[in-house]
Amino acid sequence: MSDQLAYFAAEELIEHYRSGALSPIEVIRALLDRIAAVNPKVNALYFADAEAALAAAAESEERWRRGNPQGLLDGVPVSLKDSVLAIGMPSYHGTLATDPAQARAPLDAPVTMRLKEAGAIIIGKTTMPDFGMIASGVSSRYGVTRNPWDLSRNSGGSSSASRRVRRAQRAFEECIHQRGHDRREAADGVERRGRDRGGQVAAGIAQRIIERSAHAQ
């Protein structure tokens, strides 16, 4: 069951939290285990704050227990691209040119603020090429971010690791299988059609949940 938790969509997690079938702590622990098992191979995350994520999950679990979730994404784990600021988390913009002493963000980017307001749990930060200016998953600071389907290839850029996290979802894998596309061509197509600019994916999830909630009312 723990492996399956990594594939639940945000809407599914919210439904399970509401019914009590799952807790945010279970989900965060499962994702941390998944990161420990997979990240050494693909190099998708350069920073994960397990302690803070578990503390946030405990707070979220208590809110759900009281029937008073903070927002539409309460307890849903998200990751942020390196270039998206989050208080206390390092942002190197993918390059060795960034001084580590000045890397810790003193403020949140707007998308980070919105995610926190909605109750999302920021589990970590994902790699990117230098300043997002290279169309490959190669960074002077992080090295190579690998394609999880073929570790001999890199991920492409500029949102190299953000795309790796997104493609871990079963829905995307099923889409590729059904269409019969070559995996590498499909991956390149995703990059061309719309790159994950920082928290764009998470913001899109939030928007879909808001729209569905409004429709249900």
C-alpha atoms as a PDB file:
ATOM      1  CA  MET A   1       0.000   0.000   0.000  1.00  0.00           C
ATOM      2  CA  SER A   2       2.839   2.412   0.827  1.00  0.00           C
ATOM      3  CA  ASP A   3       4.137   2.342  -2.760  1.00  0.00           C
ATOM      4  CA  GLN A   4       0.652   3.059  -4.077  1.00  0.00           C
ATOM      5  CA  LEU A   5       0.408   6.245  -2.030  1.00  0.00           C
ATOM      6  CA  ALA A   6       3.000   7.871  -4.285  1.00  0.00           C
ATOM      7  CA  TYR A   7       0.573   7.656  -7.210  1.00  0.00           C
ATOM      8  CA  PHE A   8      -2.588   9.142  -5.709  1.00  0.00           C
ATOM      9  CA  ALA A   9      -3.813  12.350  -7.317  1.00  0.00           C
ATOM     10  CA  ALA A  10      -4.456  15.379  -5.123  1.00  0.00           C
ATOM     11  CA  GLU A  11      -8.218  14.915  -5.393  1.00  0.00           C
ATOM     12  CA  GLU A  12      -7.913  11.286  -4.277  1.00  0.00           C
ATOM     13  CA  LEU A  13      -5.792  12.206  -1.277  1.00  0.00           C
ATOM     14  CA  ILE A  14      -8.320  14.822  -0.186  1.00  0.00           C
ATOM     15  CA  GLU A  15     -11.145  12.285  -0.443  1.00  0.00           C
ATOM     16  CA  HIS A  16      -9.187   9.760   1.642  1.00  0.00           C
ATOM     17  CA  TYR A  17      -8.291  12.379   4.249  1.00  0.00           C
ATOM     18  CA  ARG A  18     -11.918  13.434   4.513  1.00  0.00           C
ATOM     19  CA  SER A  19     -13.134   9.846   4.963  1.00  0.00           C
ATOM     20  CA  GLY A  20     -10.339   8.966   7.375  1.00  0.00           C
ATOM     21  CA  ALA A  21      -9.055   6.176   5.137  1.00  0.00           C
ATOM     22  CA  LEU A  22      -5.622   7.822   4.986  1.00  0.00           C
ATOM     23  CA  SER A  23      -3.687  10.331   7.033  1.00  0.00           C
ATOM     24  CA  PRO A  24      -1.249  12.978   5.795  1.00  0.00           C
ATOM     25  CA  ILE A  25       1.450  11.411   7.990  1.00  0.00           C
ATOM     26  CA  GLU A  26       1.068   8.065   6.198  1.00  0.00           C
ATOM     27  CA  VAL A  27       1.379   9.762   2.829  1.00  0.00           C
ATOM     28  CA  ILE A  28       4.426  11.853   3.731  1.00  0.00           C
ATOM     29  CA  ARG A  29       6.223   8.857   5.230  1.00  0.00           C
ATOM     30  CA  ALA A  30       5.498   6.813   2.103  1.00  0.00           C
ATOM     31  CA  LEU A  31       6.823   9.595  -0.129  1.00  0.00           C
ATOM     32  CA  LEU A  32       9.968  10.013   1.951  1.00  0.00           C
ATOM     33  CA  ASP A  33      10.577   6.266   1.639  1.00  0.00           C
ATOM     34  CA  ARG A  34      10.015   6.540  -2.119  1.00  0.00           C
ATOM     35  CA  ILE A  35      12.451   9.440  -2.374  1.00  0.00           C
ATOM     36  CA  ALA A  36      15.093   7.483  -0.438  1.00  0.00           C
ATOM     37  CA  ALA A  37      14.674   4.513  -2.770  1.00  0.00           C
ATOM     38  CA  VAL A  38      14.469   6.264  -6.143  1.00  0.00           C
ATOM     39  CA  ASN A  39      16.181   9.640  -5.895  1.00  0.00           C
ATOM     40  CA  PRO A  40      19.763   8.274  -5.768  1.00  0.00           C
ATOM     41  CA  LYS A  41      19.123   6.822  -9.232  1.00  0.00           C
ATOM     42  CA  VAL A  42      17.367   9.752 -10.929  1.00  0.00           C
ATOM     43  CA  ASN A  43      18.655  12.767  -8.946  1.00  0.00           C
ATOM     44  CA  ALA A  44      15.302  14.565  -9.053  1.00  0.00           C
ATOM     45  CA  LEU A  45      15.364  16.280  -5.654  1.00  0.00           C
ATOM     46  CA  TYR A  46      18.361  18.091  -4.249  1.00  0.00           C
ATOM     47  CA  PHE A  47      16.666  19.041  -0.989  1.00  0.00           C
ATOM     48  CA  ALA A  48      14.044  17.320   1.150  1.00  0.00           C
ATOM     49  CA  ASP A  49      13.077  18.495   4.624  1.00  0.00           C
ATOM     50  CA  ALA A  50      11.678  15.340   6.191  1.00  0.00           C
ATOM     51  CA  GLU A  51      11.362  16.799   9.688  1.00  0.00           C
ATOM     52  CA  ALA A  52       9.413  19.858   8.569  1.00  0.00           C
ATOM     53  CA  ALA A  53       7.226  17.811   6.212  1.00  0.00           C
ATOM     54  CA  LEU A  54       6.288  15.331   8.945  1.00  0.00           C
ATOM     55  CA  ALA A  55       5.556  18.175  11.374  1.00  0.00           C
ATOM     56  CA  ALA A  56       3.292  19.827   8.798  1.00  0.00           C
ATOM     57  CA  ALA A  57       1.621  16.463   8.155  1.00  0.00           C
ATOM     58  CA  ALA A  58       0.880  16.057  11.868  1.00  0.00           C
ATOM     59  CA  GLU A  59      -0.751  19.497  11.946  1.00  0.00           C
ATOM     60  CA  SER A  60      -2.756  18.656   8.831  1.00  0.00           C
ATOM     61  CA  GLU A  61      -3.877  15.339  10.317  1.00  0.00           C
ATOM     62  CA  GLU A  62      -5.160  17.111  13.401  1.00  0.00           C
ATOM     63  CA  ARG A  63      -7.123  19.588  11.275  1.00  0.00           C
ATOM     64  CA  TRP A  64      -8.714  16.751   9.317  1.00  0.00           C
ATOM     65  CA  ARG A  65      -9.519  14.945  12.578  1.00  0.00           C
ATOM     66  CA  ARG A  66     -11.378  18.045  13.760  1.00  0.00           C
ATOM     67  CA  GLY A  67     -13.149  18.320  10.404  1.00  0.00           C
ATOM     68  CA  ASN A  68     -11.591  21.721   9.785  1.00  0.00           C
ATOM     69  CA  PRO A  69      -9.061  21.492   6.906  1.00  0.00           C
ATOM     70  CA  GLN A  70      -7.061  24.610   6.229  1.00  0.00           C
ATOM     71  CA  GLY A  71      -7.731  24.701   2.491  1.00  0.00           C
ATOM     72  CA  LEU A  72      -8.346  22.742  -0.674  1.00  0.00           C
ATOM     73  CA  LEU A  73      -4.881  21.149  -0.614  1.00  0.00           C
ATOM     74  CA  ASP A  74      -4.562  20.442   3.094  1.00  0.00           C
ATOM     75  CA  GLY A  75      -2.068  17.600   3.523  1.00  0.00           C
ATOM     76  CA  VAL A  76      -1.250  17.235  -0.172  1.00  0.00           C
ATOM     77  CA  PRO A  77       2.530  16.943  -0.721  1.00  0.00           C
ATOM     78  CA  VAL A  78       4.175  19.083  -3.385  1.00  0.00           C
ATOM     79  CA  SER A  79       7.699  19.837  -4.551  1.00  0.00           C
ATOM     80  CA  LEU A  80       9.036  23.129  -5.847  1.00  0.00           C
ATOM     81  CA  LYS A  81      11.491  23.849  -8.613  1.00  0.00           C
ATOM     82  CA  ASP A  82      14.865  25.110  -7.400  1.00  0.00           C
ATOM     83  CA  SER A  83      14.172  28.628  -8.679  1.00  0.00           C
ATOM     84  CA  VAL A  84      10.877  28.964  -6.746  1.00  0.00           C
ATOM     85  CA  LEU A  85      11.576  30.531  -3.359  1.00  0.00           C
ATOM     86  CA  ALA A  86      10.390  28.994  -0.091  1.00  0.00           C
ATOM     87  CA  ILE A  87      11.380  30.439   3.272  1.00  0.00           C
ATOM     88  CA  GLY A  88      14.301  28.563   4.802  1.00  0.00           C
ATOM     89  CA  MET A  89      14.864  26.326   1.786  1.00  0.00           C
ATOM     90  CA  PRO A  90      17.943  26.749  -0.435  1.00  0.00           C
ATOM     91  CA  SER A  91      17.547  28.048  -3.983  1.00  0.00           C
ATOM     92  CA  TYR A  92      20.680  27.729  -6.098  1.00  0.00           C
ATOM     93  CA  HIS A  93      19.077  28.210  -9.528  1.00  0.00           C
ATOM     94  CA  GLY A  94      20.935  25.082 -10.567  1.00  0.00           C
ATOM     95  CA  THR A  95      24.366  26.662 -10.605  1.00  0.00           C
ATOM     96  CA  LEU A  96      27.620  26.626  -8.672  1.00  0.00           C
ATOM     97  CA  ALA A  97      27.713  30.384  -9.175  1.00  0.00           C
ATOM     98  CA  THR A  98      25.225  30.766  -6.313  1.00  0.00           C
ATOM     99  CA  ASP A  99      26.896  31.335  -2.961  1.00  0.00           C
ATOM    100  CA  PRO A 100      25.556  28.707  -0.490  1.00  0.00           C
ATOM    101  CA  ALA A 101      25.740  31.302   2.272  1.00  0.00           C
ATOM    102  CA  GLN A 102      23.130  33.351   0.405  1.00  0.00           C
ATOM    103  CA  ALA A 103      21.011  30.492  -0.932  1.00  0.00           C
ATOM    104  CA  ARG A 104      18.470  30.248   1.884  1.00  0.00           C
ATOM    105  CA  ALA A 105      15.326  32.053   0.800  1.00  0.00           C
ATOM    106  CA  PRO A 106      14.232  34.914   3.081  1.00  0.00           C
ATOM    107  CA  LEU A 107      10.703  34.932   1.651  1.00  0.00           C
ATOM    108  CA  ASP A 108       8.143  32.851  -0.218  1.00  0.00           C
ATOM    109  CA  ALA A 109       7.388  33.185  -3.923  1.00  0.00           C
ATOM    110  CA  PRO A 110       3.708  33.945  -4.661  1.00  0.00           C
ATOM    111  CA  VAL A 111       2.975  30.365  -5.726  1.00  0.00           C
ATOM    112  CA  THR A 112       4.612  29.098  -2.524  1.00  0.00           C
ATOM    113  CA  MET A 113       2.410  31.389  -0.455  1.00  0.00           C
ATOM    114  CA  ARG A 114      -0.723  30.196  -2.240  1.00  0.00           C
ATOM    115  CA  LEU A 115       0.225  26.556  -1.719  1.00  0.00           C
ATOM    116  CA  LYS A 116       0.868  27.076   1.983  1.00  0.00           C
ATOM    117  CA  GLU A 117      -2.391  28.971   2.389  1.00  0.00           C
ATOM    118  CA  ALA A 118      -4.207  26.010   0.839  1.00  0.00           C
ATOM    119  CA  GLY A 119      -2.532  23.625   3.305  1.00  0.00           C
ATOM    120  CA  ALA A 120      -0.126  21.926   0.891  1.00  0.00           C
ATOM    121  CA  ILE A 121       2.992  20.314   2.379  1.00  0.00           C
ATOM    122  CA  ILE A 122       6.220  21.302   0.609  1.00  0.00           C
ATOM    123  CA  ILE A 123       8.318  18.179   0.822  1.00  0.00           C
ATOM    124  CA  GLY A 124      11.390  19.461  -1.051  1.00  0.00           C
ATOM    125  CA  LYS A 125      13.005  21.194  -4.000  1.00  0.00           C
ATOM    126  CA  THR A 126      13.762  19.761  -7.447  1.00  0.00           C
ATOM    127  CA  THR A 127      16.860  20.163  -9.585  1.00  0.00           C
ATOM    128  CA  MET A 128      17.206  22.311 -12.690  1.00  0.00           C
ATOM    129  CA  PRO A 129      19.975  23.236 -15.154  1.00  0.00           C
ATOM    130  CA  ASP A 130      22.005  26.392 -14.624  1.00  0.00           C
ATOM    131  CA  PHE A 131      19.624  29.368 -14.431  1.00  0.00           C
ATOM    132  CA  GLY A 132      17.070  27.324 -16.408  1.00  0.00           C
ATOM    133  CA  MET A 133      18.889  28.290 -19.592  1.00  0.00           C
ATOM    134  CA  ILE A 134      19.951  24.826 -20.762  1.00  0.00           C
ATOM    135  CA  ALA A 135      17.633  22.438 -22.597  1.00  0.00           C
ATOM    136  CA  SER A 136      18.968  19.409 -20.738  1.00  0.00           C
ATOM    137  CA  GLY A 137      18.906  17.903 -17.263  1.00  0.00           C
ATOM    138  CA  VAL A 138      22.538  18.823 -16.593  1.00  0.00           C
ATOM    139  CA  SER A 139      23.532  21.214 -13.831  1.00  0.00           C
ATOM    140  CA  SER A 140      26.912  22.465 -12.675  1.00  0.00           C
ATOM    141  CA  ARG A 141      25.672  22.107  -9.088  1.00  0.00           C
ATOM    142  CA  TYR A 142      23.575  18.926  -9.168  1.00  0.00           C
ATOM    143  CA  GLY A 143      25.083  16.965 -12.012  1.00  0.00           C
ATOM    144  CA  VAL A 144      22.762  14.956 -14.275  1.00  0.00           C
ATOM    145  CA  THR A 145      19.064  14.377 -13.625  1.00  0.00           C
ATOM    146  CA  ARG A 146      18.191  11.020 -15.172  1.00  0.00           C
ATOM    147  CA  ASN A 147      15.203   9.885 -17.187  1.00  0.00           C
ATOM    148  CA  PRO A 148      13.502   7.257 -14.959  1.00  0.00           C
ATOM    149  CA  TRP A 149      12.570   5.166 -18.007  1.00  0.00           C
ATOM    150  CA  ASP A 150      16.106   5.119 -19.348  1.00  0.00           C
ATOM    151  CA  LEU A 151      18.843   6.047 -16.868  1.00  0.00           C
ATOM    152  CA  SER A 152      21.366   6.393 -19.693  1.00  0.00           C
ATOM    153  CA  ARG A 153      19.517   9.564 -20.768  1.00  0.00           C
ATOM    154  CA  ASN A 154      19.071  12.855 -19.000  1.00  0.00           C
ATOM    155  CA  SER A 155      15.717  14.442 -18.386  1.00  0.00           C
ATOM    156  CA  GLY A 156      15.774  17.507 -20.607  1.00  0.00           C
ATOM    157  CA  GLY A 157      15.176  20.999 -19.271  1.00  0.00           C
ATOM    158  CA  SER A 158      14.636  23.437 -17.976  1.00  0.00           C
ATOM    159  CA  SER A 159      12.230  21.967 -15.411  1.00  0.00           C
ATOM    160  CA  SER A 160      14.219  18.755 -15.483  1.00  0.00           C
ATOM    161  CA  ALA A 161      13.391  17.215 -12.114  1.00  0.00           C
ATOM    162  CA  SER A 162       9.897  18.696 -11.886  1.00  0.00           C
ATOM    163  CA  ARG A 163       9.037  16.684 -14.967  1.00  0.00           C
ATOM    164  CA  ARG A 164      10.564  13.559 -13.434  1.00  0.00           C
ATOM    165  CA  VAL A 165       8.279  13.862 -10.434  1.00  0.00           C
ATOM    166  CA  ARG A 166       5.241  14.431 -12.614  1.00  0.00           C
ATOM    167  CA  ARG A 167       5.996  11.488 -14.875  1.00  0.00           C
ATOM    168  CA  ALA A 168       6.058   9.128 -11.911  1.00  0.00           C
ATOM    169  CA  GLN A 169       2.268   9.250 -12.016  1.00  0.00           C
ATOM    170  CA  ARG A 170       0.510   6.210 -13.419  1.00  0.00           C
ATOM    171  CA  ALA A 171      -1.893   8.303 -15.442  1.00  0.00           C
ATOM    172  CA  PHE A 172       0.928   9.711 -17.530  1.00  0.00           C
ATOM    173  CA  GLU A 173       2.487   6.279 -18.034  1.00  0.00           C
ATOM    174  CA  GLU A 174      -0.870   4.890 -19.156  1.00  0.00           C
ATOM    175  CA  CYS A 175      -1.271   7.793 -21.570  1.00  0.00           C
ATOM    176  CA  ILE A 176       2.079   7.052 -23.169  1.00  0.00           C
ATOM    177  CA  HIS A 177       1.233   3.349 -23.410  1.00  0.00           C
ATOM    178  CA  GLN A 178      -2.164   3.966 -25.008  1.00  0.00           C
ATOM    179  CA  ARG A 179      -0.855   6.367 -27.596  1.00  0.00           C
ATOM    180  CA  GLY A 180       2.034   4.092 -28.464  1.00  0.00           C
ATOM    181  CA  HIS A 181       4.474   6.970 -28.605  1.00  0.00           C
ATOM    182  CA  ASP A 182       8.150   6.430 -28.317  1.00  0.00           C
ATOM    183  CA  ARG A 183       8.942   7.311 -24.733  1.00  0.00           C
ATOM    184  CA  ARG A 184      11.714   9.683 -25.587  1.00  0.00           C
ATOM    185  CA  GLU A 185       9.624  11.504 -28.188  1.00  0.00           C
ATOM    186  CA  ALA A 186       6.743  11.778 -25.750  1.00  0.00           C
ATOM    187  CA  ALA A 187       9.028  13.193 -23.085  1.00  0.00           C
ATOM    188  CA  ASP A 188      10.369  15.761 -25.517  1.00  0.00           C
ATOM    189  CA  GLY A 189       6.813  16.597 -26.544  1.00  0.00           C
ATOM    190  CA  VAL A 190       5.810  17.311 -22.977  1.00  0.00           C
ATOM    191  CA  GLU A 191       8.720  19.705 -22.664  1.00  0.00           C
ATOM    192  CA  ARG A 192       7.815  21.497 -25.886  1.00  0.00           C
ATOM    193  CA  ARG A 193       4.094  21.786 -25.166  1.00  0.00           C
ATOM    194  CA  GLY A 194       4.374  23.168 -21.678  1.00  0.00           C
ATOM    195  CA  ARG A 195       7.181  23.289 -19.178  1.00  0.00           C
ATOM    196  CA  ASP A 196       6.597  23.205 -15.444  1.00  0.00           C
ATOM    197  CA  ARG A 197       7.542  26.754 -14.573  1.00  0.00           C
ATOM    198  CA  GLY A 198       8.174  26.298 -10.873  1.00  0.00           C
ATOM    199  CA  GLY A 199       4.893  25.522  -9.130  1.00  0.00           C
ATOM    200  CA  GLN A 200       2.849  25.526 -12.325  1.00  0.00           C
ATOM    201  CA  VAL A 201       1.776  21.911 -11.916  1.00  0.00           C
ATOM    202  CA  ALA A 202       0.751  22.373  -8.300  1.00  0.00           C
ATOM    203  CA  ALA A 203      -1.086  25.577  -9.176  1.00  0.00           C
ATOM    204  CA  GLY A 204      -2.904  23.728 -11.937  1.00  0.00           C
ATOM    205  CA  ILE A 205      -3.966  20.999  -9.523  1.00  0.00           C
ATOM    206  CA  ALA A 206      -5.248  23.614  -7.113  1.00  0.00           C
ATOM    207  CA  GLN A 207      -7.214  25.321  -9.869  1.00  0.00           C
ATOM    208  CA  ARG A 208      -8.840  22.042 -10.943  1.00  0.00           C
ATOM    209  CA  ILE A 209      -9.877  21.282  -7.370  1.00  0.00           C
ATOM    210  CA  ILE A 210     -11.333  24.778  -6.972  1.00  0.00           C
ATOM    211  CA  GLU A 211     -13.292  24.441 -10.195  1.00  0.00           C
ATOM    212  CA  ARG A 212     -14.644  21.019  -9.245  1.00  0.00           C
ATOM    213  CA  SER A 213     -15.576  22.239  -5.778  1.00  0.00           C
ATOM    214  CA  ALA A 214     -17.438  25.219  -7.206  1.00  0.00           C
ATOM    215  CA  HIS A 215     -19.260  22.988  -9.683  1.00  0.00           C
ATOM    216  CA  ALA A 216     -20.308  20.591  -6.916  1.00  0.00           C
ATOM    217  CA  GLN A 217     -21.806  23.447  -4.923  1.00  0.00           C
END
